[in-house]
Amino acid sequence: MRMLMVIILTVMLSLAGFTPASATGGAIPDYAKWGIIAVKETQTKYNVDILDYKHIGRTSLTADQSREQFKLWVRAKDGKQFAVYVNVDFNPSTQQLRKVQFSESDRH
């Protein structure tokens, strides 16, 4: 399952214009680690398929807490599609995960 998640995230990042560092000489985006967590936690919480992935941005909340925000477009097992906004809070110095928060929307 973990390998499937890595493959899915890699495909989504490449569709968003990111390619592996070896192909472009660039680096993996700073938010990639937190994007994987957002996708995995969303799948666990909602038991959904991820259809689309968007990194919204990073916000510095305090000196020792930052937030990466993501929008995931998902499909439930009953076919219903909706957006899940995911906030991943972490310590930027230690890279320690603090919390993951979710909110839902039916808007694309």
C-alpha atoms as a PDB file:
ATOM      1  CA  MET A   1       0.000   0.000   0.000  1.00  0.00           C
ATOM      2  CA  ARG A   2       2.838   2.401   0.850  1.00  0.00           C
ATOM      3  CA  MET A   3       4.426   1.831  -2.556  1.00  0.00           C
ATOM      4  CA  LEU A   4       1.084   2.519  -4.245  1.00  0.00           C
ATOM      5  CA  MET A   5       0.838   5.826  -2.375  1.00  0.00           C
ATOM      6  CA  VAL A   6       4.332   6.832  -3.465  1.00  0.00           C
ATOM      7  CA  ILE A   7       3.496   5.981  -7.076  1.00  0.00           C
ATOM      8  CA  ILE A   8       0.211   7.912  -6.950  1.00  0.00           C
ATOM      9  CA  LEU A   9       1.840  10.971  -5.409  1.00  0.00           C
ATOM     10  CA  THR A  10       4.707  10.822  -7.909  1.00  0.00           C
ATOM     11  CA  VAL A  11       2.238  10.718 -10.795  1.00  0.00           C
ATOM     12  CA  MET A  12       0.216  13.599  -9.350  1.00  0.00           C
ATOM     13  CA  LEU A  13       3.326  15.704  -8.809  1.00  0.00           C
ATOM     14  CA  SER A  14       4.547  14.989 -12.329  1.00  0.00           C
ATOM     15  CA  LEU A  15       1.161  15.975 -13.772  1.00  0.00           C
ATOM     16  CA  ALA A  16       1.463  19.205 -11.802  1.00  0.00           C
ATOM     17  CA  GLY A  17       4.744  19.922 -13.573  1.00  0.00           C
ATOM     18  CA  PHE A  18       7.206  18.397 -11.134  1.00  0.00           C
ATOM     19  CA  THR A  19       9.627  15.777 -12.355  1.00  0.00           C
ATOM     20  CA  PRO A  20      12.177  13.678 -10.501  1.00  0.00           C
ATOM     21  CA  ALA A  21      15.328  15.516  -9.505  1.00  0.00           C
ATOM     22  CA  SER A  22      17.469  13.237 -11.660  1.00  0.00           C
ATOM     23  CA  ALA A  23      15.573  14.234 -14.782  1.00  0.00           C
ATOM     24  CA  THR A  24      15.651  17.986 -14.239  1.00  0.00           C
ATOM     25  CA  GLY A  25      18.562  18.598 -11.908  1.00  0.00           C
ATOM     26  CA  GLY A  26      16.077  20.185  -9.478  1.00  0.00           C
ATOM     27  CA  ALA A  27      15.109  19.118  -6.003  1.00  0.00           C
ATOM     28  CA  ILE A  28      12.009  17.456  -4.631  1.00  0.00           C
ATOM     29  CA  PRO A  29       9.631  20.168  -3.351  1.00  0.00           C
ATOM     30  CA  ASP A  30       9.833  20.912   0.384  1.00  0.00           C
ATOM     31  CA  TYR A  31       6.159  20.079   0.775  1.00  0.00           C
ATOM     32  CA  ALA A  32       6.353  16.583  -0.789  1.00  0.00           C
ATOM     33  CA  LYS A  33       6.744  14.847   2.588  1.00  0.00           C
ATOM     34  CA  TRP A  34       3.686  16.641   3.940  1.00  0.00           C
ATOM     35  CA  GLY A  35       1.720  15.958   0.742  1.00  0.00           C
ATOM     36  CA  ILE A  36       2.243  12.227   1.186  1.00  0.00           C
ATOM     37  CA  ILE A  37       0.962  12.511   4.756  1.00  0.00           C
ATOM     38  CA  ALA A  38      -2.059  14.539   3.580  1.00  0.00           C
ATOM     39  CA  VAL A  39      -2.947  11.919   0.960  1.00  0.00           C
ATOM     40  CA  LYS A  40      -2.486   8.940   3.309  1.00  0.00           C
ATOM     41  CA  GLU A  41      -4.423  10.521   6.173  1.00  0.00           C
ATOM     42  CA  THR A  42      -7.269  11.529   3.843  1.00  0.00           C
ATOM     43  CA  GLN A  43      -7.528   8.006   2.451  1.00  0.00           C
ATOM     44  CA  THR A  44      -7.524   6.573   5.961  1.00  0.00           C
ATOM     45  CA  LYS A  45     -10.128   9.003   7.334  1.00  0.00           C
ATOM     46  CA  TYR A  46     -12.531   8.992   4.367  1.00  0.00           C
ATOM     47  CA  ASN A  47     -11.817   5.651   2.609  1.00  0.00           C
ATOM     48  CA  VAL A  48     -11.785   7.421  -0.780  1.00  0.00           C
ATOM     49  CA  ASP A  49      -9.911   7.439  -4.071  1.00  0.00           C
ATOM     50  CA  ILE A  50      -7.768  10.511  -4.703  1.00  0.00           C
ATOM     51  CA  LEU A  51      -8.620  12.070  -8.075  1.00  0.00           C
ATOM     52  CA  ASP A  52      -6.613  15.290  -7.919  1.00  0.00           C
ATOM     53  CA  TYR A  53      -4.018  16.925  -5.686  1.00  0.00           C
ATOM     54  CA  LYS A  54      -3.077  20.573  -5.253  1.00  0.00           C
ATOM     55  CA  HIS A  55      -0.533  22.181  -2.957  1.00  0.00           C
ATOM     56  CA  ILE A  56      -2.033  25.481  -1.791  1.00  0.00           C
ATOM     57  CA  GLY A  57       0.947  26.776   0.141  1.00  0.00           C
ATOM     58  CA  ARG A  58       2.900  27.046   3.357  1.00  0.00           C
ATOM     59  CA  THR A  59       2.117  29.396   6.232  1.00  0.00           C
ATOM     60  CA  SER A  60       4.389  30.132   9.165  1.00  0.00           C
ATOM     61  CA  LEU A  61       2.153  30.107  12.251  1.00  0.00           C
ATOM     62  CA  THR A  62       4.829  30.649  14.908  1.00  0.00           C
ATOM     63  CA  ALA A  63       8.607  30.310  15.141  1.00  0.00           C
ATOM     64  CA  ASP A  64       8.213  26.584  15.773  1.00  0.00           C
ATOM     65  CA  GLN A  65       5.053  25.764  13.809  1.00  0.00           C
ATOM     66  CA  SER A  66       4.290  25.877  10.092  1.00  0.00           C
ATOM     67  CA  ARG A  67       1.306  24.692   8.074  1.00  0.00           C
ATOM     68  CA  GLU A  68       1.219  23.124   4.618  1.00  0.00           C
ATOM     69  CA  GLN A  69      -2.209  23.311   2.975  1.00  0.00           C
ATOM     70  CA  PHE A  70      -3.497  20.928   0.325  1.00  0.00           C
ATOM     71  CA  LYS A  71      -6.699  20.461  -1.635  1.00  0.00           C
ATOM     72  CA  LEU A  72      -7.565  16.888  -2.593  1.00  0.00           C
ATOM     73  CA  TRP A  73     -10.423  16.075  -4.952  1.00  0.00           C
ATOM     74  CA  VAL A  74     -11.739  12.655  -3.929  1.00  0.00           C
ATOM     75  CA  ARG A  75     -14.343  10.066  -4.880  1.00  0.00           C
ATOM     76  CA  ALA A  76     -16.173   8.073  -2.215  1.00  0.00           C
ATOM     77  CA  LYS A  77     -17.109   4.433  -2.719  1.00  0.00           C
ATOM     78  CA  ASP A  78     -20.694   5.507  -3.508  1.00  0.00           C
ATOM     79  CA  GLY A  79     -19.398   7.663  -6.388  1.00  0.00           C
ATOM     80  CA  LYS A  80     -19.832  11.035  -4.665  1.00  0.00           C
ATOM     81  CA  GLN A  81     -17.014  13.477  -5.445  1.00  0.00           C
ATOM     82  CA  PHE A  82     -15.933  16.278  -3.128  1.00  0.00           C
ATOM     83  CA  ALA A  83     -12.928  18.320  -2.056  1.00  0.00           C
ATOM     84  CA  VAL A  84     -11.021  17.736   1.153  1.00  0.00           C
ATOM     85  CA  TYR A  85      -8.833  20.579   2.368  1.00  0.00           C
ATOM     86  CA  VAL A  86      -6.005  19.285   4.514  1.00  0.00           C
ATOM     87  CA  ASN A  87      -3.868  21.320   6.907  1.00  0.00           C
ATOM     88  CA  VAL A  88      -0.653  19.621   7.998  1.00  0.00           C
ATOM     89  CA  ASP A  89       0.959  21.383  10.964  1.00  0.00           C
ATOM     90  CA  PHE A  90       4.596  20.624  11.802  1.00  0.00           C
ATOM     91  CA  ASN A  91       7.717  21.969  13.428  1.00  0.00           C
ATOM     92  CA  PRO A  92       9.912  23.312  10.597  1.00  0.00           C
ATOM     93  CA  SER A  93      13.125  22.915  12.618  1.00  0.00           C
ATOM     94  CA  THR A  94      12.625  19.305  13.696  1.00  0.00           C
ATOM     95  CA  GLN A  95      10.262  18.255  10.859  1.00  0.00           C
ATOM     96  CA  GLN A  96       8.029  16.707  13.527  1.00  0.00           C
ATOM     97  CA  LEU A  97       4.347  16.336  12.607  1.00  0.00           C
ATOM     98  CA  ARG A  98       2.055  18.221  14.985  1.00  0.00           C
ATOM     99  CA  LYS A  99      -1.461  17.625  13.632  1.00  0.00           C
ATOM    100  CA  VAL A 100      -3.558  17.026  10.546  1.00  0.00           C
ATOM    101  CA  GLN A 101      -6.911  18.795  10.091  1.00  0.00           C
ATOM    102  CA  PHE A 102      -9.589  18.229   7.462  1.00  0.00           C
ATOM    103  CA  SER A 103     -12.483  20.229   6.044  1.00  0.00           C
ATOM    104  CA  GLU A 104     -14.818  19.204   3.233  1.00  0.00           C
ATOM    105  CA  SER A 105     -16.390  21.096   0.347  1.00  0.00           C
ATOM    106  CA  ASP A 106     -18.556  20.067  -2.589  1.00  0.00           C
ATOM    107  CA  ARG A 107     -16.949  22.758  -4.776  1.00  0.00           C
ATOM    108  CA  HIS A 108     -14.243  21.823  -7.249  1.00  0.00           C
END
